[in-house]
PDB file of N, CA and C in Angstrom:
ATOM      1  N   UNK A   1      52.409  15.739 -74.524  1.00  0.00           N
ATOM      2  CA  UNK A   1      53.852  15.786 -74.534  1.00  0.00           C
ATOM      3  C   UNK A   1      54.385  16.109 -73.138  1.00  0.00           C
ATOM      4  N   UNK A   2      53.783  17.107 -72.505  1.00  0.00           N
ATOM      5  CA  UNK A   2      54.215  17.502 -71.168  1.00  0.00           C
ATOM      6  C   UNK A   2      54.028  16.362 -70.172  1.00  0.00           C
ATOM      7  N   UNK A   3      52.929  15.632 -70.333  1.00  0.00           N
ATOM      8  CA  UNK A   3      52.654  14.502 -69.445  1.00  0.00           C
ATOM      9  C   UNK A   3      53.717  13.419 -69.617  1.00  0.00           C
ATOM     10  N   UNK A   4      54.121  13.169 -70.872  1.00  0.00           N
ATOM     11  CA  UNK A   4      55.147  12.164 -71.140  1.00  0.00           C
ATOM     12  C   UNK A   4      56.470  12.575 -70.497  1.00  0.00           C
ATOM     13  N   UNK A   5      56.831  13.815 -70.604  1.00  0.00           N
ATOM     14  CA  UNK A   5      58.067  14.311 -70.007  1.00  0.00           C
ATOM     15  C   UNK A   5      58.015  14.178 -68.492  1.00  0.00           C
ATOM     16  N   UNK A   6      56.854  14.474 -67.917  1.00  0.00           N
ATOM     17  CA  UNK A   6      56.680  14.354 -66.474  1.00  0.00           C
ATOM     18  C   UNK A   6      56.854  12.895 -66.028  1.00  0.00           C
ATOM     19  N   UNK A   7      56.283  11.972 -66.797  1.00  0.00           N
ATOM     20  CA  UNK A   7      56.406  10.546 -66.486  1.00  0.00           C
ATOM     21  C   UNK A   7      57.855  10.090 -66.590  1.00  0.00           C
ATOM     22  N   UNK A   8      58.553  10.569 -67.613  1.00  0.00           N
ATOM     23  CA  UNK A   8      59.957  10.188 -67.795  1.00  0.00           C
ATOM     24  C   UNK A   8      60.814  10.690 -66.640  1.00  0.00           C
ATOM     25  N   UNK A   9      60.494  11.881 -66.135  1.00  0.00           N
ATOM     26  CA  UNK A   9      61.260  12.418 -65.025  1.00  0.00           C
ATOM     27  C   UNK A   9      61.001  11.644 -63.731  1.00  0.00           C
ATOM     28  N   UNK A  10      59.787  11.138 -63.571  1.00  0.00           N
ATOM     29  CA  UNK A  10      59.452  10.428 -62.341  1.00  0.00           C
ATOM     30  C   UNK A  10      59.901   8.970 -62.349  1.00  0.00           C
ATOM     31  N   UNK A  11      60.076   8.382 -63.491  1.00  0.00           N
ATOM     32  CA  UNK A  11      60.390   6.957 -63.581  1.00  0.00           C
ATOM     33  C   UNK A  11      61.640   6.563 -62.788  1.00  0.00           C
ATOM     34  N   UNK A  12      62.763   7.278 -62.927  1.00  0.00           N
ATOM     35  CA  UNK A  12      63.940   6.876 -62.152  1.00  0.00           C
ATOM     36  C   UNK A  12      63.717   6.950 -60.650  1.00  0.00           C
ATOM     37  N   UNK A  13      62.974   7.951 -60.203  1.00  0.00           N
ATOM     38  CA  UNK A  13      62.690   8.058 -58.772  1.00  0.00           C
ATOM     39  C   UNK A  13      61.859   6.868 -58.309  1.00  0.00           C
ATOM     40  N   UNK A  14      60.882   6.501 -59.111  1.00  0.00           N
ATOM     41  CA  UNK A  14      60.031   5.361 -58.761  1.00  0.00           C
ATOM     42  C   UNK A  14      60.862   4.093 -58.685  1.00  0.00           C
ATOM     43  N   UNK A  15      61.728   3.885 -59.663  1.00  0.00           N
ATOM     44  CA  UNK A  15      62.605   2.709 -59.646  1.00  0.00           C
ATOM     45  C   UNK A  15      63.527   2.743 -58.435  1.00  0.00           C
ATOM     46  N   UNK A  16      64.065   3.895 -58.123  1.00  0.00           N
ATOM     47  CA  UNK A  16      64.952   4.019 -56.969  1.00  0.00           C
ATOM     48  C   UNK A  16      64.208   3.699 -55.685  1.00  0.00           C
ATOM     49  N   UNK A  17      62.963   4.186 -55.574  1.00  0.00           N
ATOM     50  CA  UNK A  17      62.155   3.869 -54.387  1.00  0.00           C
ATOM     51  C   UNK A  17      61.893   2.375 -54.292  1.00  0.00           C
ATOM     52  N   UNK A  18      61.582   1.764 -55.419  1.00  0.00           N
ATOM     53  CA  UNK A  18      61.313   0.326 -55.427  1.00  0.00           C
ATOM     54  C   UNK A  18      62.562  -0.451 -55.022  1.00  0.00           C
ATOM     55  N   UNK A  19      63.713  -0.014 -55.496  1.00  0.00           N
ATOM     56  CA  UNK A  19      64.972  -0.685 -55.152  1.00  0.00           C
ATOM     57  C   UNK A  19      65.250  -0.555 -53.660  1.00  0.00           C
ATOM     58  N   UNK A  20      65.039   0.649 -53.104  1.00  0.00           N
ATOM     59  CA  UNK A  20      65.240   0.841 -51.657  1.00  0.00           C
ATOM     60  C   UNK A  20      64.268  -0.014 -50.863  1.00  0.00           C
ATOM     61  N   UNK A  21      63.032  -0.086 -51.310  1.00  0.00           N
ATOM     62  CA  UNK A  21      62.027  -0.884 -50.600  1.00  0.00           C
ATOM     63  C   UNK A  21      62.420  -2.362 -50.623  1.00  0.00           C
ATOM     64  N   UNK A  22      62.913  -2.839 -51.761  1.00  0.00           N
ATOM     65  CA  UNK A  22      63.344  -4.245 -51.841  1.00  0.00           C
ATOM     66  C   UNK A  22      64.517  -4.510 -50.910  1.00  0.00           C
ATOM     67  N   UNK A  23      65.447  -3.564 -50.808  1.00  0.00           N
ATOM     68  CA  UNK A  23      66.629  -3.779 -49.981  1.00  0.00           C
ATOM     69  C   UNK A  23      66.275  -3.805 -48.500  1.00  0.00           C
ATOM     70  N   UNK A  24      65.116  -3.232 -48.128  1.00  0.00           N
ATOM     71  CA  UNK A  24      64.699  -3.229 -46.724  1.00  0.00           C
ATOM     72  C   UNK A  24      63.892  -4.466 -46.350  1.00  0.00           C
ATOM     73  N   UNK A  25      63.540  -5.286 -47.311  1.00  0.00           N
ATOM     74  CA  UNK A  25      62.769  -6.492 -47.020  1.00  0.00           C
ATOM     75  C   UNK A  25      63.542  -7.417 -46.104  1.00  0.00           C
ATOM     76  N   UNK A  26      62.797  -8.242 -45.399  1.00  0.00           N
ATOM     77  CA  UNK A  26      63.443  -9.222 -44.538  1.00  0.00           C
ATOM     78  C   UNK A  26      63.517 -10.577 -45.231  1.00  0.00           C
ATOM     79  N   UNK A  27      63.266 -10.616 -46.502  1.00  0.00           N
ATOM     80  CA  UNK A  27      63.349 -11.868 -47.251  1.00  0.00           C
ATOM     81  C   UNK A  27      64.466 -11.780 -48.268  1.00  0.00           C
ATOM     82  N   UNK A  28      64.912 -12.938 -48.683  1.00  0.00           N
ATOM     83  CA  UNK A  28      65.923 -13.035 -49.742  1.00  0.00           C
ATOM     84  C   UNK A  28      65.401 -13.993 -50.798  1.00  0.00           C
ATOM     85  N   UNK A  29      65.792 -13.781 -52.015  1.00  0.00           N
ATOM     86  CA  UNK A  29      65.366 -14.629 -53.114  1.00  0.00           C
ATOM     87  C   UNK A  29      66.341 -15.788 -53.276  1.00  0.00           C
ATOM     88  N   UNK A  30      65.798 -16.992 -53.394  1.00  0.00           N
ATOM     89  CA  UNK A  30      66.589 -18.183 -53.686  1.00  0.00           C
ATOM     90  C   UNK A  30      66.066 -18.798 -54.976  1.00  0.00           C
ATOM     91  N   UNK A  31      66.939 -19.397 -55.722  1.00  0.00           N
ATOM     92  CA  UNK A  31      66.519 -20.050 -56.957  1.00  0.00           C
ATOM     93  C   UNK A  31      67.018 -21.491 -56.917  1.00  0.00           C
ATOM     94  N   UNK A  32      66.117 -22.436 -57.179  1.00  0.00           N
ATOM     95  CA  UNK A  32      66.444 -23.849 -57.146  1.00  0.00           C
ATOM     96  C   UNK A  32      66.112 -24.490 -58.485  1.00  0.00           C
ATOM     97  N   UNK A  33      66.798 -25.567 -58.777  1.00  0.00           N
ATOM     98  CA  UNK A  33      66.438 -26.400 -59.917  1.00  0.00           C
ATOM     99  C   UNK A  33      65.894 -27.702 -59.360  1.00  0.00           C
ATOM    100  N   UNK A  34      64.689 -28.072 -59.801  1.00  0.00           N
ATOM    101  CA  UNK A  34      64.040 -29.292 -59.358  1.00  0.00           C
ATOM    102  C   UNK A  34      63.792 -30.195 -60.553  1.00  0.00           C
ATOM    103  N   UNK A  35      63.822 -31.505 -60.342  1.00  0.00           N
ATOM    104  CA  UNK A  35      63.405 -32.410 -61.410  1.00  0.00           C
ATOM    105  C   UNK A  35      61.922 -32.176 -61.718  1.00  0.00           C
ATOM    106  N   UNK A  36      61.509 -32.492 -62.922  1.00  0.00           N
ATOM    107  CA  UNK A  36      60.123 -32.284 -63.343  1.00  0.00           C
ATOM    108  C   UNK A  36      59.162 -33.012 -62.409  1.00  0.00           C
ATOM    109  N   UNK A  37      59.514 -34.213 -61.973  1.00  0.00           N
ATOM    110  CA  UNK A  37      58.636 -34.974 -61.072  1.00  0.00           C
ATOM    111  C   UNK A  37      58.436 -34.233 -59.747  1.00  0.00           C
ATOM    112  N   UNK A  38      59.468 -33.586 -59.250  1.00  0.00           N
ATOM    113  CA  UNK A  38      59.348 -32.832 -57.991  1.00  0.00           C
ATOM    114  C   UNK A  38      58.449 -31.612 -58.180  1.00  0.00           C
ATOM    115  N   UNK A  39      58.544 -30.971 -59.312  1.00  0.00           N
ATOM    116  CA  UNK A  39      57.682 -29.816 -59.581  1.00  0.00           C
ATOM    117  C   UNK A  39      56.230 -30.265 -59.685  1.00  0.00           C
ATOM    118  N   UNK A  40      56.006 -31.414 -60.326  1.00  0.00           N
ATOM    119  CA  UNK A  40      54.639 -31.953 -60.384  1.00  0.00           C
ATOM    120  C   UNK A  40      54.124 -32.237 -58.982  1.00  0.00           C
ATOM    121  N   UNK A  41      54.977 -32.815 -58.131  1.00  0.00           N
ATOM    122  CA  UNK A  41      54.575 -33.113 -56.751  1.00  0.00           C
ATOM    123  C   UNK A  41      54.253 -31.824 -55.992  1.00  0.00           C
ATOM    124  N   UNK A  42      55.054 -30.782 -56.185  1.00  0.00           N
ATOM    125  CA  UNK A  42      54.784 -29.493 -55.534  1.00  0.00           C
ATOM    126  C   UNK A  42      53.460 -28.898 -56.017  1.00  0.00           C
ATOM    127  N   UNK A  43      53.206 -28.991 -57.316  1.00  0.00           N
ATOM    128  CA  UNK A  43      51.936 -28.474 -57.853  1.00  0.00           C
ATOM    129  C   UNK A  43      50.752 -29.261 -57.297  1.00  0.00           C
ATOM    130  N   UNK A  44      50.922 -30.575 -57.175  1.00  0.00           N
ATOM    131  CA  UNK A  44      49.864 -31.407 -56.601  1.00  0.00           C
ATOM    132  C   UNK A  44      49.593 -30.999 -55.150  1.00  0.00           C
ATOM    133  N   UNK A  45      50.652 -30.802 -54.379  1.00  0.00           N
ATOM    134  CA  UNK A  45      50.494 -30.374 -52.986  1.00  0.00           C
ATOM    135  C   UNK A  45      49.835 -29.003 -52.904  1.00  0.00           C
ATOM    136  N   UNK A  46      50.196 -28.110 -53.807  1.00  0.00           N
ATOM    137  CA  UNK A  46      49.584 -26.785 -53.818  1.00  0.00           C
ATOM    138  C   UNK A  46      48.084 -26.901 -54.081  1.00  0.00           C
ATOM    139  N   UNK A  47      47.713 -27.752 -55.022  1.00  0.00           N
ATOM    140  CA  UNK A  47      46.292 -27.934 -55.332  1.00  0.00           C
ATOM    141  C   UNK A  47      45.550 -28.570 -54.158  1.00  0.00           C
ATOM    142  N   UNK A  48      46.164 -29.568 -53.527  1.00  0.00           N
ATOM    143  CA  UNK A  48      45.518 -30.269 -52.411  1.00  0.00           C
ATOM    144  C   UNK A  48      45.362 -29.384 -51.185  1.00  0.00           C
ATOM    145  N   UNK A  49      46.289 -28.464 -50.984  1.00  0.00           N
ATOM    146  CA  UNK A  49      46.262 -27.629 -49.778  1.00  0.00           C
ATOM    147  C   UNK A  49      45.655 -26.253 -50.019  1.00  0.00           C
ATOM    148  N   UNK A  50      45.423 -25.904 -51.277  1.00  0.00           N
ATOM    149  CA  UNK A  50      44.900 -24.578 -51.588  1.00  0.00           C
ATOM    150  C   UNK A  50      45.960 -23.490 -51.523  1.00  0.00           C
ATOM    151  N   UNK A  51      47.205 -23.885 -51.427  1.00  0.00           N
ATOM    152  CA  UNK A  51      48.303 -22.918 -51.377  1.00  0.00           C
ATOM    153  C   UNK A  51      48.453 -22.303 -52.768  1.00  0.00           C
ATOM    154  N   UNK A  52      48.442 -20.980 -52.895  1.00  0.00           N
ATOM    155  CA  UNK A  52      48.472 -20.366 -54.224  1.00  0.00           C
ATOM    156  C   UNK A  52      49.829 -20.414 -54.929  1.00  0.00           C
ATOM    157  N   UNK A  53      50.919 -20.634 -54.176  1.00  0.00           N
ATOM    158  CA  UNK A  53      52.247 -20.615 -54.806  1.00  0.00           C
ATOM    159  C   UNK A  53      53.060 -21.832 -54.392  1.00  0.00           C
ATOM    160  N   UNK A  54      53.999 -22.207 -55.250  1.00  0.00           N
ATOM    161  CA  UNK A  54      54.913 -23.301 -54.912  1.00  0.00           C
ATOM    162  C   UNK A  54      55.832 -22.879 -53.765  1.00  0.00           C
ATOM    163  N   UNK A  55      56.184 -21.603 -53.723  1.00  0.00           N
ATOM    164  CA  UNK A  55      57.014 -21.101 -52.618  1.00  0.00           C
ATOM    165  C   UNK A  55      56.278 -21.284 -51.291  1.00  0.00           C
ATOM    166  N   UNK A  56      54.974 -21.060 -51.290  1.00  0.00           N
ATOM    167  CA  UNK A  56      54.180 -21.265 -50.075  1.00  0.00           C
ATOM    168  C   UNK A  56      54.187 -22.725 -49.632  1.00  0.00           C
ATOM    169  N   UNK A  57      54.111 -23.634 -50.604  1.00  0.00           N
ATOM    170  CA  UNK A  57      54.190 -25.070 -50.285  1.00  0.00           C
ATOM    171  C   UNK A  57      55.536 -25.374 -49.642  1.00  0.00           C
ATOM    172  N   UNK A  58      56.604 -24.836 -50.209  1.00  0.00           N
ATOM    173  CA  UNK A  58      57.940 -25.074 -49.653  1.00  0.00           C
ATOM    174  C   UNK A  58      58.094 -24.467 -48.262  1.00  0.00           C
ATOM    175  N   UNK A  59      57.529 -23.279 -48.043  1.00  0.00           N
ATOM    176  CA  UNK A  59      57.591 -22.667 -46.700  1.00  0.00           C
ATOM    177  C   UNK A  59      56.871 -23.535 -45.675  1.00  0.00           C
ATOM    178  N   UNK A  60      55.675 -24.034 -46.051  1.00  0.00           N
ATOM    179  CA  UNK A  60      54.923 -24.905 -45.141  1.00  0.00           C
ATOM    180  C   UNK A  60      55.689 -26.198 -44.866  1.00  0.00           C
ATOM    181  N   UNK A  61      56.284 -26.766 -45.910  1.00  0.00           N
ATOM    182  CA  UNK A  61      57.055 -28.002 -45.749  1.00  0.00           C
ATOM    183  C   UNK A  61      58.255 -27.778 -44.826  1.00  0.00           C
ATOM    184  N   UNK A  62      58.877 -26.629 -44.935  1.00  0.00           N
ATOM    185  CA  UNK A  62      60.015 -26.302 -44.078  1.00  0.00           C
ATOM    186  C   UNK A  62      59.588 -26.218 -42.614  1.00  0.00           C
ATOM    187  N   UNK A  63      58.417 -25.642 -42.362  1.00  0.00           N
ATOM    188  CA  UNK A  63      57.906 -25.563 -40.984  1.00  0.00           C
ATOM    189  C   UNK A  63      57.668 -26.954 -40.407  1.00  0.00           C
ATOM    190  N   UNK A  64      57.065 -27.829 -41.205  1.00  0.00           N
ATOM    191  CA  UNK A  64      56.793 -29.193 -40.741  1.00  0.00           C
ATOM    192  C   UNK A  64      58.099 -29.933 -40.502  1.00  0.00           C
ATOM    193  N   UNK A  65      59.034 -29.794 -41.391  1.00  0.00           N
ATOM    194  CA  UNK A  65      60.333 -30.462 -41.273  1.00  0.00           C
ATOM    195  C   UNK A  65      61.065 -29.991 -40.013  1.00  0.00           C
ATOM    196  N   UNK A  66      61.053 -28.696 -39.761  1.00  0.00           N
ATOM    197  CA  UNK A  66      61.694 -28.161 -38.558  1.00  0.00           C
ATOM    198  C   UNK A  66      61.014 -28.707 -37.308  1.00  0.00           C
ATOM    199  N   UNK A  67      59.668 -28.801 -37.336  1.00  0.00           N
ATOM    200  CA  UNK A  67      58.929 -29.341 -36.184  1.00  0.00           C
ATOM    201  C   UNK A  67      59.317 -30.794 -35.946  1.00  0.00           C
ATOM    202  N   UNK A  68      59.394 -31.592 -36.993  1.00  0.00           N
ATOM    203  CA  UNK A  68      59.769 -33.001 -36.861  1.00  0.00           C
ATOM    204  C   UNK A  68      61.148 -33.124 -36.223  1.00  0.00           C
ATOM    205  N   UNK A  69      62.096 -32.348 -36.703  1.00  0.00           N
ATOM    206  CA  UNK A  69      63.453 -32.409 -36.147  1.00  0.00           C
ATOM    207  C   UNK A  69      63.470 -31.990 -34.683  1.00  0.00           C
ATOM    208  N   UNK A  70      62.710 -30.948 -34.337  1.00  0.00           N
ATOM    209  CA  UNK A  70      62.640 -30.503 -32.943  1.00  0.00           C
ATOM    210  C   UNK A  70      62.081 -31.610 -32.060  1.00  0.00           C
ATOM    211  N   UNK A  71      61.015 -32.266 -32.516  1.00  0.00           N
ATOM    212  CA  UNK A  71      60.427 -33.364 -31.749  1.00  0.00           C
ATOM    213  C   UNK A  71      61.437 -34.483 -31.564  1.00  0.00           C
ATOM    214  N   UNK A  72      62.161 -34.833 -32.609  1.00  0.00           N
ATOM    215  CA  UNK A  72      63.167 -35.900 -32.523  1.00  0.00           C
ATOM    216  C   UNK A  72      64.295 -35.516 -31.572  1.00  0.00           C
ATOM    217  N   UNK A  73      64.710 -34.274 -31.619  1.00  0.00           N
ATOM    218  CA  UNK A  73      65.777 -33.825 -30.730  1.00  0.00           C
ATOM    219  C   UNK A  73      65.352 -33.907 -29.261  1.00  0.00           C
ATOM    220  N   UNK A  74      64.058 -33.778 -29.008  1.00  0.00           N
ATOM    221  CA  UNK A  74      63.542 -33.868 -27.645  1.00  0.00           C
ATOM    222  C   UNK A  74      63.155 -35.302 -27.284  1.00  0.00           C
ATOM    223  N   UNK A  75      63.632 -36.249 -28.106  1.00  0.00           N
ATOM    224  CA  UNK A  75      63.388 -37.680 -27.899  1.00  0.00           C
ATOM    225  C   UNK A  75      61.903 -38.003 -27.818  1.00  0.00           C
ATOM    226  N   UNK A  76      61.117 -37.333 -28.650  1.00  0.00           N
ATOM    227  CA  UNK A  76      59.686 -37.586 -28.713  1.00  0.00           C
ATOM    228  C   UNK A  76      59.388 -38.485 -29.900  1.00  0.00           C
ATOM    229  N   UNK A  77      58.311 -39.252 -29.797  1.00  0.00           N
ATOM    230  CA  UNK A  77      57.861 -40.109 -30.891  1.00  0.00           C
ATOM    231  C   UNK A  77      56.756 -39.394 -31.654  1.00  0.00           C
ATOM    232  N   UNK A  78      56.725 -39.617 -32.944  1.00  0.00           N
ATOM    233  CA  UNK A  78      55.670 -39.069 -33.789  1.00  0.00           C
ATOM    234  C   UNK A  78      54.822 -40.258 -34.229  1.00  0.00           C
ATOM    235  N   UNK A  79      53.536 -40.216 -33.876  1.00  0.00           N
ATOM    236  CA  UNK A  79      52.654 -41.359 -34.082  1.00  0.00           C
ATOM    237  C   UNK A  79      51.484 -40.968 -34.971  1.00  0.00           C
ATOM    238  N   UNK A  80      51.142 -41.868 -35.876  1.00  0.00           N
ATOM    239  CA  UNK A  80      49.958 -41.709 -36.713  1.00  0.00           C
ATOM    240  C   UNK A  80      48.881 -42.627 -36.142  1.00  0.00           C
ATOM    241  N   UNK A  81      47.667 -42.084 -35.997  1.00  0.00           N
ATOM    242  CA  UNK A  81      46.580 -42.849 -35.397  1.00  0.00           C
ATOM    243  C   UNK A  81      45.307 -42.631 -36.205  1.00  0.00           C
ATOM    244  N   UNK A  82      44.524 -43.706 -36.425  1.00  0.00           N
ATOM    245  CA  UNK A  82      43.258 -43.514 -37.137  1.00  0.00           C
ATOM    246  C   UNK A  82      42.267 -42.774 -36.235  1.00  0.00           C
ATOM    247  N   UNK A  83      41.203 -42.280 -36.806  1.00  0.00           N
ATOM    248  CA  UNK A  83      40.250 -41.447 -36.059  1.00  0.00           C
ATOM    249  C   UNK A  83      39.601 -42.171 -34.886  1.00  0.00           C
ATOM    250  N   UNK A  84      39.462 -43.474 -34.958  1.00  0.00           N
ATOM    251  CA  UNK A  84      38.855 -44.227 -33.852  1.00  0.00           C
ATOM    252  C   UNK A  84      39.873 -44.562 -32.761  1.00  0.00           C
ATOM    253  N   UNK A  85      41.145 -44.326 -33.043  1.00  0.00           N
ATOM    254  CA  UNK A  85      42.175 -44.617 -32.053  1.00  0.00           C
ATOM    255  C   UNK A  85      42.563 -46.079 -31.980  1.00  0.00           C
ATOM    256  N   UNK A  86      42.127 -46.863 -32.966  1.00  0.00           N
ATOM    257  CA  UNK A  86      42.407 -48.298 -32.931  1.00  0.00           C
ATOM    258  C   UNK A  86      43.736 -48.663 -33.579  1.00  0.00           C
ATOM    259  N   UNK A  87      44.054 -48.017 -34.662  1.00  0.00           N
ATOM    260  CA  UNK A  87      45.293 -48.366 -35.355  1.00  0.00           C
ATOM    261  C   UNK A  87      46.280 -47.222 -35.199  1.00  0.00           C
ATOM    262  N   UNK A  88      47.437 -47.585 -34.667  1.00  0.00           N
ATOM    263  CA  UNK A  88      48.506 -46.607 -34.473  1.00  0.00           C
ATOM    264  C   UNK A  88      49.768 -47.139 -35.106  1.00  0.00           C
ATOM    265  N   UNK A  89      50.578 -46.231 -35.550  1.00  0.00           N
ATOM    266  CA  UNK A  89      51.922 -46.618 -35.991  1.00  0.00           C
ATOM    267  C   UNK A  89      52.864 -45.454 -35.730  1.00  0.00           C
ATOM    268  N   UNK A  90      54.051 -45.791 -35.350  1.00  0.00           N
ATOM    269  CA  UNK A  90      55.066 -44.764 -35.128  1.00  0.00           C
ATOM    270  C   UNK A  90      55.708 -44.444 -36.463  1.00  0.00           C
ATOM    271  N   UNK A  91      55.823 -43.174 -36.719  1.00  0.00           N
ATOM    272  CA  UNK A  91      56.471 -42.763 -37.955  1.00  0.00           C
ATOM    273  C   UNK A  91      57.974 -42.810 -37.755  1.00  0.00           C
ATOM    274  N   UNK A  92      58.634 -43.358 -38.730  1.00  0.00           N
ATOM    275  CA  UNK A  92      60.082 -43.478 -38.632  1.00  0.00           C
ATOM    276  C   UNK A  92      60.738 -42.109 -38.778  1.00  0.00           C
ATOM    277  N   UNK A  93      61.858 -41.906 -38.104  1.00  0.00           N
ATOM    278  CA  UNK A  93      62.557 -40.624 -38.253  1.00  0.00           C
ATOM    279  C   UNK A  93      62.984 -40.428 -39.706  1.00  0.00           C
ATOM    280  N   UNK A  94      62.886 -39.214 -40.153  1.00  0.00           N
ATOM    281  CA  UNK A  94      63.330 -38.914 -41.500  1.00  0.00           C
ATOM    282  C   UNK A  94      64.846 -38.835 -41.594  1.00  0.00           C
ATOM    283  N   UNK A  95      65.471 -38.422 -40.524  1.00  0.00           N
ATOM    284  CA  UNK A  95      66.923 -38.286 -40.508  1.00  0.00           C
ATOM    285  C   UNK A  95      67.474 -38.830 -39.211  1.00  0.00           C
ATOM    286  N   UNK A  96      68.733 -39.088 -39.251  1.00  0.00           N
ATOM    287  CA  UNK A  96      69.416 -39.386 -38.000  1.00  0.00           C
ATOM    288  C   UNK A  96      69.701 -38.039 -37.342  1.00  0.00           C
ATOM    289  N   UNK A  97      69.252 -37.873 -36.145  1.00  0.00           N
ATOM    290  CA  UNK A  97      69.460 -36.603 -35.447  1.00  0.00           C
ATOM    291  C   UNK A  97      70.437 -36.851 -34.319  1.00  0.00           C
ATOM    292  N   UNK A  98      71.455 -36.031 -34.236  1.00  0.00           N
ATOM    293  CA  UNK A  98      72.399 -36.115 -33.145  1.00  0.00           C
ATOM    294  C   UNK A  98      71.798 -35.397 -31.958  1.00  0.00           C
ATOM    295  N   UNK A  99      71.503 -36.139 -30.920  1.00  0.00           N
ATOM    296  CA  UNK A  99      70.912 -35.524 -29.725  1.00  0.00           C
ATOM    297  C   UNK A  99      71.989 -34.814 -28.934  1.00  0.00           C
ATOM    298  N   UNK A 100      71.605 -33.710 -28.369  1.00  0.00           N
ATOM    299  CA  UNK A 100      72.567 -32.906 -27.606  1.00  0.00           C
ATOM    300  C   UNK A 100      72.870 -33.540 -26.279  1.00  0.00           C
TER     301      UNK A 100
END
């Protein structure tokens, strides 16, 4: 009984600490709605890359997307080349980028 009372007294403090810790995080929670096909594609990418979470897949995709835009803004070409260096193709821009 005494142990239960002790736990009940500590619970609000623990919750308060958890709330303070969450408020100090440098991340924010976002919630999106995706079509079922997009979720399947994200799960497939997670399996192919070994990424444990769909959020991780999205974070990685965001990094690649930002890199592509940066390259385009610097008027650079993005080229795909086979391992022997014989077949090359320029990848088309994903977006129209307004150059500064």
